[in-house]
Amino acid sequence: MLTPSFPTDDPILVAQYWAEGFYVDDRDPGYRILNINTCADFPSHPGPAASQDDVDAHLLHVERGSISVDRLAKIEAALQGLEPKVVNIALMHHHPVEHARHDLLKDTYGPATNGEKLLDLLERAVNCGRWMLVHGHKHIPNFTVDGGSAYSPMVLCAASVGGHLWQPVAAVARNQFHVVEFETARTLGQPITRGKVLSWAWSFGHGWRPAPPTTGLPSEFGFGALNDPRDLADQVAAALDARGVEFDRWSSILSEYPLAQYLGPVDMSLFEDRLETLGYLLERDRQFAVTTVARKATWT
């Protein structure tokens, strides 16, 4: 009975979301949305006279959320027969797999019940294309790829835009918001599902700025690449060595090796580590964007 309606303006999809615990919005030819209500199976509070064990069991369910086996079967049926699209986005609140950027920040209640089964379902729905799953709940932003194939879902844990972060979370993350950009044009030799994520972080006294290192996700990173980042670094270094130059602009590198722009945060780190072992560094501007690949100075 919310006004405006939630989570969409289509009354049929709204009714399905609350009745079935999910909906598939396939109206736009360029993208589809799978929206899952991981709170749909919340039990009623056991009441003021309940035992502490009953209260703890209730809170555990609330913290974890779930996707029931029946709901998974209905989602699988809804995805069957759909045509491929470049952009497939799944939305849910609770995290589908365990996630913490630091061991000491792992929660005690674990991921959503059957979250790993959902990711397996999305990976096998190859008729749809590759999926990106976006979730919240953890407050510490992160980006991972979960699965064992070229259709493994990409999982983006969104940060808190305006949440009051607590210690020790506040020591390793800030409020962030993200813009996800998909490239929809098919390009031979490049992943079909590819793009970049831009992130801004809130800094007291300065407002929203491109996210600096150590505040969550970087200000910009790519997604979709399936290439070995260390091999890509070898190719870049070999090309610079062959030309006998001390540096080259990052834009020129991307023109020659366009797959580098779709490396995720971890792969980008591996790419940079490998370059450094080969005698090159990535230089960045004040907004933390890569500008140049330069040979390390040799002091004698």
C-alpha atoms as a PDB file:
ATOM      1  CA  MET A   1       0.000   0.000   0.000  1.00  0.00           C
ATOM      2  CA  LEU A   2       3.021   2.274  -0.390  1.00  0.00           C
ATOM      3  CA  THR A   3       2.700   5.466  -2.415  1.00  0.00           C
ATOM      4  CA  PRO A   4       4.491   5.601  -4.782  1.00  0.00           C
ATOM      5  CA  SER A   5       4.370   1.860  -5.322  1.00  0.00           C
ATOM      6  CA  PHE A   6       7.369  -0.292  -4.444  1.00  0.00           C
ATOM      7  CA  PRO A   7       9.556  -1.662  -5.928  1.00  0.00           C
ATOM      8  CA  THR A   8       8.325  -0.576  -9.383  1.00  0.00           C
ATOM      9  CA  ASP A   9       5.502   1.374 -10.977  1.00  0.00           C
ATOM     10  CA  ASP A  10       3.986  -1.610 -12.788  1.00  0.00           C
ATOM     11  CA  PRO A  11       1.029  -2.912 -10.709  1.00  0.00           C
ATOM     12  CA  ILE A  12       1.319  -6.431 -12.141  1.00  0.00           C
ATOM     13  CA  LEU A  13       5.007  -6.688 -11.205  1.00  0.00           C
ATOM     14  CA  VAL A  14       4.340  -5.132  -7.795  1.00  0.00           C
ATOM     15  CA  ALA A  15       1.660  -7.728  -7.105  1.00  0.00           C
ATOM     16  CA  GLN A  16       3.978 -10.547  -8.180  1.00  0.00           C
ATOM     17  CA  TYR A  17       6.830  -9.210  -6.021  1.00  0.00           C
ATOM     18  CA  TRP A  18       4.728  -9.287  -2.859  1.00  0.00           C
ATOM     19  CA  ALA A  19       2.828 -12.472  -3.695  1.00  0.00           C
ATOM     20  CA  GLU A  20       5.626 -14.594  -5.199  1.00  0.00           C
ATOM     21  CA  GLY A  21       8.702 -12.964  -3.671  1.00  0.00           C
ATOM     22  CA  PHE A  22      10.213 -11.931  -7.034  1.00  0.00           C
ATOM     23  CA  TYR A  23       9.464 -10.611 -10.489  1.00  0.00           C
ATOM     24  CA  VAL A  24      11.201 -10.518 -13.882  1.00  0.00           C
ATOM     25  CA  ASP A  25      10.912  -7.198 -15.717  1.00  0.00           C
ATOM     26  CA  ASP A  26      11.609  -8.028 -19.353  1.00  0.00           C
ATOM     27  CA  ARG A  27       9.742  -5.113 -20.954  1.00  0.00           C
ATOM     28  CA  ASP A  28      12.757  -3.214 -22.272  1.00  0.00           C
ATOM     29  CA  PRO A  29      14.545  -4.739 -25.297  1.00  0.00           C
ATOM     30  CA  GLY A  30      17.944  -3.715 -23.939  1.00  0.00           C
ATOM     31  CA  TYR A  31      17.901  -5.164 -20.441  1.00  0.00           C
ATOM     32  CA  ARG A  32      16.030  -7.297 -17.919  1.00  0.00           C
ATOM     33  CA  ILE A  33      15.692  -7.074 -14.147  1.00  0.00           C
ATOM     34  CA  LEU A  34      15.196  -9.981 -11.762  1.00  0.00           C
ATOM     35  CA  ASN A  35      14.122  -8.511  -8.424  1.00  0.00           C
ATOM     36  CA  ILE A  36      14.079 -10.930  -5.478  1.00  0.00           C
ATOM     37  CA  ASN A  37      12.515 -10.268  -2.070  1.00  0.00           C
ATOM     38  CA  THR A  38      14.843 -12.009   0.388  1.00  0.00           C
ATOM     39  CA  CYS A  39      12.589 -10.838   3.223  1.00  0.00           C
ATOM     40  CA  ALA A  40       9.542 -12.678   1.851  1.00  0.00           C
ATOM     41  CA  ASP A  41       9.880 -15.617   4.243  1.00  0.00           C
ATOM     42  CA  PHE A  42      10.463 -13.645   7.429  1.00  0.00           C
ATOM     43  CA  PRO A  43       8.587 -15.302  10.299  1.00  0.00           C
ATOM     44  CA  SER A  44       6.518 -13.258  12.716  1.00  0.00           C
ATOM     45  CA  HIS A  45       8.293 -12.093  15.851  1.00  0.00           C
ATOM     46  CA  PRO A  46       7.775 -14.739  18.564  1.00  0.00           C
ATOM     47  CA  GLY A  47       6.409 -12.112  20.952  1.00  0.00           C
ATOM     48  CA  PRO A  48       7.415 -10.581  24.296  1.00  0.00           C
ATOM     49  CA  ALA A  49       6.966 -13.846  26.205  1.00  0.00           C
ATOM     50  CA  ALA A  50       9.253 -15.827  23.891  1.00  0.00           C
ATOM     51  CA  SER A  51      12.416 -17.485  25.120  1.00  0.00           C
ATOM     52  CA  GLN A  52      15.780 -16.023  24.254  1.00  0.00           C
ATOM     53  CA  ASP A  53      16.444 -19.006  21.983  1.00  0.00           C
ATOM     54  CA  ASP A  54      13.280 -18.264  20.020  1.00  0.00           C
ATOM     55  CA  VAL A  55      14.212 -14.580  19.742  1.00  0.00           C
ATOM     56  CA  ASP A  56      17.742 -15.486  18.613  1.00  0.00           C
ATOM     57  CA  ALA A  57      16.358 -17.861  15.967  1.00  0.00           C
ATOM     58  CA  HIS A  58      14.068 -15.113  14.692  1.00  0.00           C
ATOM     59  CA  LEU A  59      16.892 -12.562  14.518  1.00  0.00           C
ATOM     60  CA  LEU A  60      19.100 -15.070  12.694  1.00  0.00           C
ATOM     61  CA  HIS A  61      16.459 -15.465   9.994  1.00  0.00           C
ATOM     62  CA  VAL A  62      16.064 -11.696   9.695  1.00  0.00           C
ATOM     63  CA  GLU A  63      19.807 -11.113   9.428  1.00  0.00           C
ATOM     64  CA  ARG A  64      20.323 -13.800   6.794  1.00  0.00           C
ATOM     65  CA  GLY A  65      17.249 -13.581   4.626  1.00  0.00           C
ATOM     66  CA  SER A  66      16.487 -16.423   2.230  1.00  0.00           C
ATOM     67  CA  ILE A  67      15.363 -17.623  -1.161  1.00  0.00           C
ATOM     68  CA  SER A  68      13.182 -20.661  -0.608  1.00  0.00           C
ATOM     69  CA  VAL A  69      13.565 -23.797  -2.724  1.00  0.00           C
ATOM     70  CA  ASP A  70      10.052 -23.249  -4.099  1.00  0.00           C
ATOM     71  CA  ARG A  71      10.927 -19.682  -5.073  1.00  0.00           C
ATOM     72  CA  LEU A  72      14.110 -20.844  -6.781  1.00  0.00           C
ATOM     73  CA  ALA A  73      12.066 -23.285  -8.855  1.00  0.00           C
ATOM     74  CA  LYS A  74       9.667 -20.503  -9.867  1.00  0.00           C
ATOM     75  CA  ILE A  75      12.581 -18.207 -10.786  1.00  0.00           C
ATOM     76  CA  GLU A  76      14.151 -20.953 -12.886  1.00  0.00           C
ATOM     77  CA  ALA A  77      10.867 -21.510 -14.704  1.00  0.00           C
ATOM     78  CA  ALA A  78      10.450 -17.764 -15.297  1.00  0.00           C
ATOM     79  CA  LEU A  79      13.912 -17.526 -16.885  1.00  0.00           C
ATOM     80  CA  GLN A  80      13.496 -20.504 -19.192  1.00  0.00           C
ATOM     81  CA  GLY A  81      12.721 -19.569 -22.751  1.00  0.00           C
ATOM     82  CA  LEU A  82      13.864 -15.959 -22.443  1.00  0.00           C
ATOM     83  CA  GLU A  83      16.015 -14.523 -25.215  1.00  0.00           C
ATOM     84  CA  PRO A  84      19.636 -13.428 -24.630  1.00  0.00           C
ATOM     85  CA  LYS A  85      20.266  -9.836 -23.557  1.00  0.00           C
ATOM     86  CA  VAL A  86      23.507  -8.009 -22.903  1.00  0.00           C
ATOM     87  CA  VAL A  87      22.269  -6.585 -19.592  1.00  0.00           C
ATOM     88  CA  ASN A  88      20.827  -8.964 -16.990  1.00  0.00           C
ATOM     89  CA  ILE A  89      20.641  -7.540 -13.476  1.00  0.00           C
ATOM     90  CA  ALA A  90      19.470  -9.436 -10.398  1.00  0.00           C
ATOM     91  CA  LEU A  91      18.601  -7.386  -7.297  1.00  0.00           C
ATOM     92  CA  MET A  92      18.304  -8.553  -3.705  1.00  0.00           C
ATOM     93  CA  HIS A  93      18.975  -7.140  -0.267  1.00  0.00           C
ATOM     94  CA  HIS A  94      20.852  -9.903   1.579  1.00  0.00           C
ATOM     95  CA  HIS A  95      24.232 -11.178   0.417  1.00  0.00           C
ATOM     96  CA  PRO A  96      24.106 -14.501  -1.491  1.00  0.00           C
ATOM     97  CA  VAL A  97      27.582 -15.656  -0.431  1.00  0.00           C
ATOM     98  CA  GLU A  98      29.844 -14.818   2.504  1.00  0.00           C
ATOM     99  CA  HIS A  99      31.570 -11.509   2.030  1.00  0.00           C
ATOM    100  CA  ALA A 100      33.878  -9.399   4.123  1.00  0.00           C
ATOM    101  CA  ARG A 101      36.858  -7.421   2.993  1.00  0.00           C
ATOM    102  CA  HIS A 102      38.642  -8.252   6.246  1.00  0.00           C
ATOM    103  CA  ASP A 103      38.564 -11.480   8.237  1.00  0.00           C
ATOM    104  CA  LEU A 104      37.685  -9.738  11.494  1.00  0.00           C
ATOM    105  CA  LEU A 105      34.573  -8.209   9.905  1.00  0.00           C
ATOM    106  CA  LYS A 106      32.918 -11.453   8.835  1.00  0.00           C
ATOM    107  CA  ASP A 107      29.441 -11.789  10.277  1.00  0.00           C
ATOM    108  CA  THR A 108      28.356 -14.686  12.468  1.00  0.00           C
ATOM    109  CA  TYR A 109      25.052 -15.448  10.728  1.00  0.00           C
ATOM    110  CA  GLY A 110      26.257 -16.150   7.188  1.00  0.00           C
ATOM    111  CA  PRO A 111      24.792 -15.446   3.750  1.00  0.00           C
ATOM    112  CA  ALA A 112      21.188 -15.730   2.608  1.00  0.00           C
ATOM    113  CA  THR A 113      19.812 -19.239   2.829  1.00  0.00           C
ATOM    114  CA  ASN A 114      20.111 -20.859  -0.625  1.00  0.00           C
ATOM    115  CA  GLY A 115      22.076 -17.882  -1.934  1.00  0.00           C
ATOM    116  CA  GLU A 116      24.671 -20.148  -3.530  1.00  0.00           C
ATOM    117  CA  LYS A 117      21.872 -22.086  -5.254  1.00  0.00           C
ATOM    118  CA  LEU A 118      20.597 -18.829  -6.737  1.00  0.00           C
ATOM    119  CA  LEU A 119      24.038 -18.021  -8.166  1.00  0.00           C
ATOM    120  CA  ASP A 120      24.269 -21.513  -9.651  1.00  0.00           C
ATOM    121  CA  LEU A 121      20.830 -21.045 -11.200  1.00  0.00           C
ATOM    122  CA  LEU A 122      21.869 -17.738 -12.779  1.00  0.00           C
ATOM    123  CA  GLU A 123      25.099 -19.257 -14.096  1.00  0.00           C
ATOM    124  CA  ARG A 124      23.140 -22.038 -15.794  1.00  0.00           C
ATOM    125  CA  ALA A 125      20.588 -19.631 -17.317  1.00  0.00           C
ATOM    126  CA  VAL A 126      22.863 -19.164 -20.342  1.00  0.00           C
ATOM    127  CA  ASN A 127      19.846 -18.510 -22.559  1.00  0.00           C
ATOM    128  CA  CYS A 128      19.505 -15.132 -20.814  1.00  0.00           C
ATOM    129  CA  GLY A 129      23.160 -14.122 -21.045  1.00  0.00           C
ATOM    130  CA  ARG A 130      25.529 -13.285 -18.215  1.00  0.00           C
ATOM    131  CA  TRP A 131      24.120 -11.877 -14.963  1.00  0.00           C
ATOM    132  CA  MET A 132      25.257  -9.190 -12.558  1.00  0.00           C
ATOM    133  CA  LEU A 133      23.769  -9.559  -9.086  1.00  0.00           C
ATOM    134  CA  VAL A 134      23.625  -6.393  -6.962  1.00  0.00           C
ATOM    135  CA  HIS A 135      22.974  -6.628  -3.225  1.00  0.00           C
ATOM    136  CA  GLY A 136      23.370  -4.610  -0.061  1.00  0.00           C
ATOM    137  CA  HIS A 137      23.185  -5.509   3.637  1.00  0.00           C
ATOM    138  CA  LYS A 138      26.928  -5.723   4.263  1.00  0.00           C
ATOM    139  CA  HIS A 139      27.799  -1.979   4.149  1.00  0.00           C
ATOM    140  CA  ILE A 140      31.332  -2.863   2.981  1.00  0.00           C
ATOM    141  CA  PRO A 141      31.358  -2.604  -0.846  1.00  0.00           C
ATOM    142  CA  ASN A 142      32.903  -5.401  -2.835  1.00  0.00           C
ATOM    143  CA  PHE A 143      32.974  -6.935  -6.309  1.00  0.00           C
ATOM    144  CA  THR A 144      33.477 -10.639  -7.011  1.00  0.00           C
ATOM    145  CA  VAL A 145      32.809 -13.248  -9.674  1.00  0.00           C
ATOM    146  CA  ASP A 146      31.161 -16.394  -8.337  1.00  0.00           C
ATOM    147  CA  GLY A 147      31.220 -19.611 -10.348  1.00  0.00           C
ATOM    148  CA  GLY A 148      33.366 -21.666 -12.655  1.00  0.00           C
ATOM    149  CA  SER A 149      32.444 -20.673 -16.192  1.00  0.00           C
ATOM    150  CA  ALA A 150      32.342 -17.772 -18.624  1.00  0.00           C
ATOM    151  CA  TYR A 151      28.752 -17.217 -17.433  1.00  0.00           C
ATOM    152  CA  SER A 152      29.681 -16.932 -13.761  1.00  0.00           C
ATOM    153  CA  PRO A 153      27.563 -14.168 -12.190  1.00  0.00           C
ATOM    154  CA  MET A 154      29.313 -10.966 -11.225  1.00  0.00           C
ATOM    155  CA  VAL A 155      28.350  -9.941  -7.684  1.00  0.00           C
ATOM    156  CA  LEU A 156      28.404  -6.264  -6.720  1.00  0.00           C
ATOM    157  CA  CYS A 157      27.930  -5.545  -3.033  1.00  0.00           C
ATOM    158  CA  ALA A 158      26.755  -1.946  -2.939  1.00  0.00           C
ATOM    159  CA  ALA A 159      27.894   0.312  -0.121  1.00  0.00           C
ATOM    160  CA  SER A 160      25.665   2.361   2.169  1.00  0.00           C
ATOM    161  CA  VAL A 161      24.782   5.718   0.611  1.00  0.00           C
ATOM    162  CA  GLY A 162      23.850   7.413   3.882  1.00  0.00           C
ATOM    163  CA  GLY A 163      23.991   4.755   6.589  1.00  0.00           C
ATOM    164  CA  HIS A 164      25.532   5.431   9.984  1.00  0.00           C
ATOM    165  CA  LEU A 165      28.565   3.132   9.875  1.00  0.00           C
ATOM    166  CA  TRP A 166      29.870   1.651  13.089  1.00  0.00           C
ATOM    167  CA  GLN A 167      33.295   0.555  14.247  1.00  0.00           C
ATOM    168  CA  PRO A 168      35.219  -1.296  12.981  1.00  0.00           C
ATOM    169  CA  VAL A 169      33.357  -1.048   9.630  1.00  0.00           C
ATOM    170  CA  ALA A 170      33.847   2.735   9.599  1.00  0.00           C
ATOM    171  CA  ALA A 171      37.605   2.195   9.747  1.00  0.00           C
ATOM    172  CA  VAL A 172      37.704   0.397   6.373  1.00  0.00           C
ATOM    173  CA  ALA A 173      34.749   1.805   4.424  1.00  0.00           C
ATOM    174  CA  ARG A 174      32.849   5.041   3.869  1.00  0.00           C
ATOM    175  CA  ASN A 175      29.433   5.788   2.502  1.00  0.00           C
ATOM    176  CA  GLN A 176      29.589   5.273  -1.249  1.00  0.00           C
ATOM    177  CA  PHE A 177      27.296   5.270  -4.241  1.00  0.00           C
ATOM    178  CA  HIS A 178      27.962   3.551  -7.543  1.00  0.00           C
ATOM    179  CA  VAL A 179      27.096   4.049 -11.205  1.00  0.00           C
ATOM    180  CA  VAL A 180      27.208   0.890 -13.328  1.00  0.00           C
ATOM    181  CA  GLU A 181      27.711   1.419 -17.064  1.00  0.00           C
ATOM    182  CA  PHE A 182      27.195  -1.412 -19.543  1.00  0.00           C
ATOM    183  CA  GLU A 183      28.537  -1.337 -23.090  1.00  0.00           C
ATOM    184  CA  THR A 184      25.783  -2.785 -25.238  1.00  0.00           C
ATOM    185  CA  ALA A 185      27.443  -2.790 -28.681  1.00  0.00           C
ATOM    186  CA  ARG A 186      28.781  -6.174 -29.792  1.00  0.00           C
ATOM    187  CA  THR A 187      32.524  -5.976 -30.527  1.00  0.00           C
ATOM    188  CA  LEU A 188      34.441  -8.940 -31.935  1.00  0.00           C
ATOM    189  CA  GLY A 189      37.060 -10.210 -29.494  1.00  0.00           C
ATOM    190  CA  GLN A 190      35.546  -8.461 -26.482  1.00  0.00           C
ATOM    191  CA  PRO A 191      33.192  -9.860 -23.821  1.00  0.00           C
ATOM    192  CA  ILE A 192      29.499  -9.501 -24.661  1.00  0.00           C
ATOM    193  CA  THR A 193      28.720  -8.367 -21.112  1.00  0.00           C
ATOM    194  CA  ARG A 194      31.217  -5.701 -20.162  1.00  0.00           C
ATOM    195  CA  GLY A 195      31.452  -2.207 -18.742  1.00  0.00           C
ATOM    196  CA  LYS A 196      32.641  -0.261 -15.731  1.00  0.00           C
ATOM    197  CA  VAL A 197      31.602   0.755 -12.228  1.00  0.00           C
ATOM    198  CA  LEU A 198      32.198   4.294 -10.980  1.00  0.00           C
ATOM    199  CA  SER A 199      32.167   4.959  -7.237  1.00  0.00           C
ATOM    200  CA  TRP A 200      31.999   8.109  -5.139  1.00  0.00           C
ATOM    201  CA  ALA A 201      32.708   8.293  -1.407  1.00  0.00           C
ATOM    202  CA  TRP A 202      31.431  10.789   1.146  1.00  0.00           C
ATOM    203  CA  SER A 203      34.083  12.778   2.982  1.00  0.00           C
ATOM    204  CA  PHE A 204      33.064  15.050   5.850  1.00  0.00           C
ATOM    205  CA  GLY A 205      33.754  18.658   4.930  1.00  0.00           C
ATOM    206  CA  HIS A 206      34.278  17.822   1.248  1.00  0.00           C
ATOM    207  CA  GLY A 207      31.105  15.998   0.183  1.00  0.00           C
ATOM    208  CA  TRP A 208      31.021  13.416  -2.588  1.00  0.00           C
ATOM    209  CA  ARG A 209      34.391  12.808  -4.239  1.00  0.00           C
ATOM    210  CA  PRO A 210      35.714  10.024  -6.506  1.00  0.00           C
ATOM    211  CA  ALA A 211      36.376   7.171  -4.115  1.00  0.00           C
ATOM    212  CA  PRO A 212      39.986   7.173  -2.894  1.00  0.00           C
ATOM    213  CA  PRO A 213      41.847   3.937  -2.116  1.00  0.00           C
ATOM    214  CA  THR A 214      41.012   2.192   1.194  1.00  0.00           C
ATOM    215  CA  THR A 215      37.451   3.579   1.349  1.00  0.00           C
ATOM    216  CA  GLY A 216      35.704   0.638  -0.322  1.00  0.00           C
ATOM    217  CA  LEU A 217      35.593   0.120  -4.066  1.00  0.00           C
ATOM    218  CA  PRO A 218      37.964   2.171  -6.236  1.00  0.00           C
ATOM    219  CA  SER A 219      36.765   5.244  -8.109  1.00  0.00           C
ATOM    220  CA  GLU A 220      36.606   3.229 -11.339  1.00  0.00           C
ATOM    221  CA  PHE A 221      36.990  -0.399 -12.343  1.00  0.00           C
ATOM    222  CA  GLY A 222      35.866  -2.606 -15.195  1.00  0.00           C
ATOM    223  CA  PHE A 223      33.994  -5.869 -15.414  1.00  0.00           C
ATOM    224  CA  GLY A 224      33.502  -8.630 -17.959  1.00  0.00           C
ATOM    225  CA  ALA A 225      37.093  -9.559 -18.836  1.00  0.00           C
ATOM    226  CA  LEU A 226      37.924 -13.257 -18.865  1.00  0.00           C
ATOM    227  CA  ASN A 227      41.621 -12.827 -19.687  1.00  0.00           C
ATOM    228  CA  ASP A 228      44.660 -13.609 -17.573  1.00  0.00           C
ATOM    229  CA  PRO A 229      45.687 -10.181 -16.157  1.00  0.00           C
ATOM    230  CA  ARG A 230      49.324 -11.192 -15.713  1.00  0.00           C
ATOM    231  CA  ASP A 231      49.564 -12.297 -19.333  1.00  0.00           C
ATOM    232  CA  LEU A 232      48.017  -8.984 -20.351  1.00  0.00           C
ATOM    233  CA  ALA A 233      50.671  -7.161 -18.317  1.00  0.00           C
ATOM    234  CA  ASP A 234      53.388  -9.173 -20.079  1.00  0.00           C
ATOM    235  CA  GLN A 235      52.013  -8.051 -23.447  1.00  0.00           C
ATOM    236  CA  VAL A 236      51.913  -4.386 -22.412  1.00  0.00           C
ATOM    237  CA  ALA A 237      55.462  -4.443 -21.014  1.00  0.00           C
ATOM    238  CA  ALA A 238      56.803  -6.277 -24.059  1.00  0.00           C
ATOM    239  CA  ALA A 239      55.244  -3.695 -26.378  1.00  0.00           C
ATOM    240  CA  LEU A 240      56.814  -0.812 -24.443  1.00  0.00           C
ATOM    241  CA  ASP A 241      60.177  -2.564 -24.390  1.00  0.00           C
ATOM    242  CA  ALA A 242      59.992  -3.196 -28.120  1.00  0.00           C
ATOM    243  CA  ARG A 243      59.303   0.484 -28.818  1.00  0.00           C
ATOM    244  CA  GLY A 244      62.084   1.559 -26.453  1.00  0.00           C
ATOM    245  CA  VAL A 245      59.890   4.157 -24.712  1.00  0.00           C
ATOM    246  CA  GLU A 246      59.934   5.143 -21.047  1.00  0.00           C
ATOM    247  CA  PHE A 247      56.192   5.661 -20.762  1.00  0.00           C
ATOM    248  CA  ASP A 248      52.911   5.686 -22.640  1.00  0.00           C
ATOM    249  CA  ARG A 249      49.513   7.174 -21.918  1.00  0.00           C
ATOM    250  CA  TRP A 250      46.932   4.819 -20.453  1.00  0.00           C
ATOM    251  CA  SER A 251      44.463   5.836 -23.155  1.00  0.00           C
ATOM    252  CA  SER A 252      46.952   4.638 -25.788  1.00  0.00           C
ATOM    253  CA  ILE A 253      47.454   1.354 -23.932  1.00  0.00           C
ATOM    254  CA  LEU A 254      43.688   0.798 -23.852  1.00  0.00           C
ATOM    255  CA  SER A 255      43.461   1.505 -27.580  1.00  0.00           C
ATOM    256  CA  GLU A 256      45.987  -1.251 -28.234  1.00  0.00           C
ATOM    257  CA  TYR A 257      44.797  -3.601 -25.472  1.00  0.00           C
ATOM    258  CA  PRO A 258      41.103  -2.755 -24.931  1.00  0.00           C
ATOM    259  CA  LEU A 259      40.491  -5.772 -22.703  1.00  0.00           C
ATOM    260  CA  ALA A 260      42.516  -4.093 -19.939  1.00  0.00           C
ATOM    261  CA  GLN A 261      39.647  -1.684 -19.254  1.00  0.00           C
ATOM    262  CA  TYR A 262      37.344  -4.571 -18.289  1.00  0.00           C
ATOM    263  CA  LEU A 263      39.575  -6.004 -15.561  1.00  0.00           C
ATOM    264  CA  GLY A 264      37.849  -6.197 -12.190  1.00  0.00           C
ATOM    265  CA  PRO A 265      39.433  -4.765  -9.018  1.00  0.00           C
ATOM    266  CA  VAL A 266      41.334  -7.949  -8.084  1.00  0.00           C
ATOM    267  CA  ASP A 267      42.478  -8.643 -11.647  1.00  0.00           C
ATOM    268  CA  MET A 268      43.552  -5.013 -11.998  1.00  0.00           C
ATOM    269  CA  SER A 269      45.649  -5.391  -8.863  1.00  0.00           C
ATOM    270  CA  LEU A 270      47.274  -8.540 -10.303  1.00  0.00           C
ATOM    271  CA  PHE A 271      47.867  -6.676 -13.576  1.00  0.00           C
ATOM    272  CA  GLU A 272      49.575  -3.832 -11.715  1.00  0.00           C
ATOM    273  CA  ASP A 273      51.658  -6.190  -9.554  1.00  0.00           C
ATOM    274  CA  ARG A 274      52.915  -8.000 -12.643  1.00  0.00           C
ATOM    275  CA  LEU A 275      53.787  -4.737 -14.392  1.00  0.00           C
ATOM    276  CA  GLU A 276      55.818  -3.674 -11.376  1.00  0.00           C
ATOM    277  CA  THR A 277      57.853  -6.889 -11.435  1.00  0.00           C
ATOM    278  CA  LEU A 278      58.566  -6.123 -15.108  1.00  0.00           C
ATOM    279  CA  GLY A 279      59.832  -2.639 -14.273  1.00  0.00           C
ATOM    280  CA  TYR A 280      56.737  -0.506 -14.916  1.00  0.00           C
ATOM    281  CA  LEU A 281      54.363   1.488 -12.714  1.00  0.00           C
ATOM    282  CA  LEU A 282      50.840   2.798 -13.156  1.00  0.00           C
ATOM    283  CA  GLU A 283      50.661   6.526 -12.497  1.00  0.00           C
ATOM    284  CA  ARG A 284      47.407   8.128 -11.330  1.00  0.00           C
ATOM    285  CA  ASP A 285      45.948  11.626 -11.190  1.00  0.00           C
ATOM    286  CA  ARG A 286      44.409  13.410  -8.185  1.00  0.00           C
ATOM    287  CA  GLN A 287      41.104  11.663  -8.872  1.00  0.00           C
ATOM    288  CA  PHE A 288      42.910   8.279  -8.606  1.00  0.00           C
ATOM    289  CA  ALA A 289      42.374   7.468 -12.293  1.00  0.00           C
ATOM    290  CA  VAL A 290      45.237   5.741 -14.150  1.00  0.00           C
ATOM    291  CA  THR A 291      46.912   8.149 -16.572  1.00  0.00           C
ATOM    292  CA  THR A 292      50.247   6.605 -17.589  1.00  0.00           C
ATOM    293  CA  VAL A 293      52.298   3.431 -17.692  1.00  0.00           C
ATOM    294  CA  ALA A 294      55.881   4.449 -16.923  1.00  0.00           C
ATOM    295  CA  ARG A 295      59.174   2.648 -16.468  1.00  0.00           C
ATOM    296  CA  LYS A 296      60.397   2.642 -12.878  1.00  0.00           C
ATOM    297  CA  ALA A 297      63.297   4.985 -12.215  1.00  0.00           C
ATOM    298  CA  THR A 298      66.662   3.246 -11.726  1.00  0.00           C
ATOM    299  CA  TRP A 299      68.945   4.926  -9.213  1.00  0.00           C
ATOM    300  CA  THR A 300      72.658   4.201  -9.368  1.00  0.00           C
END
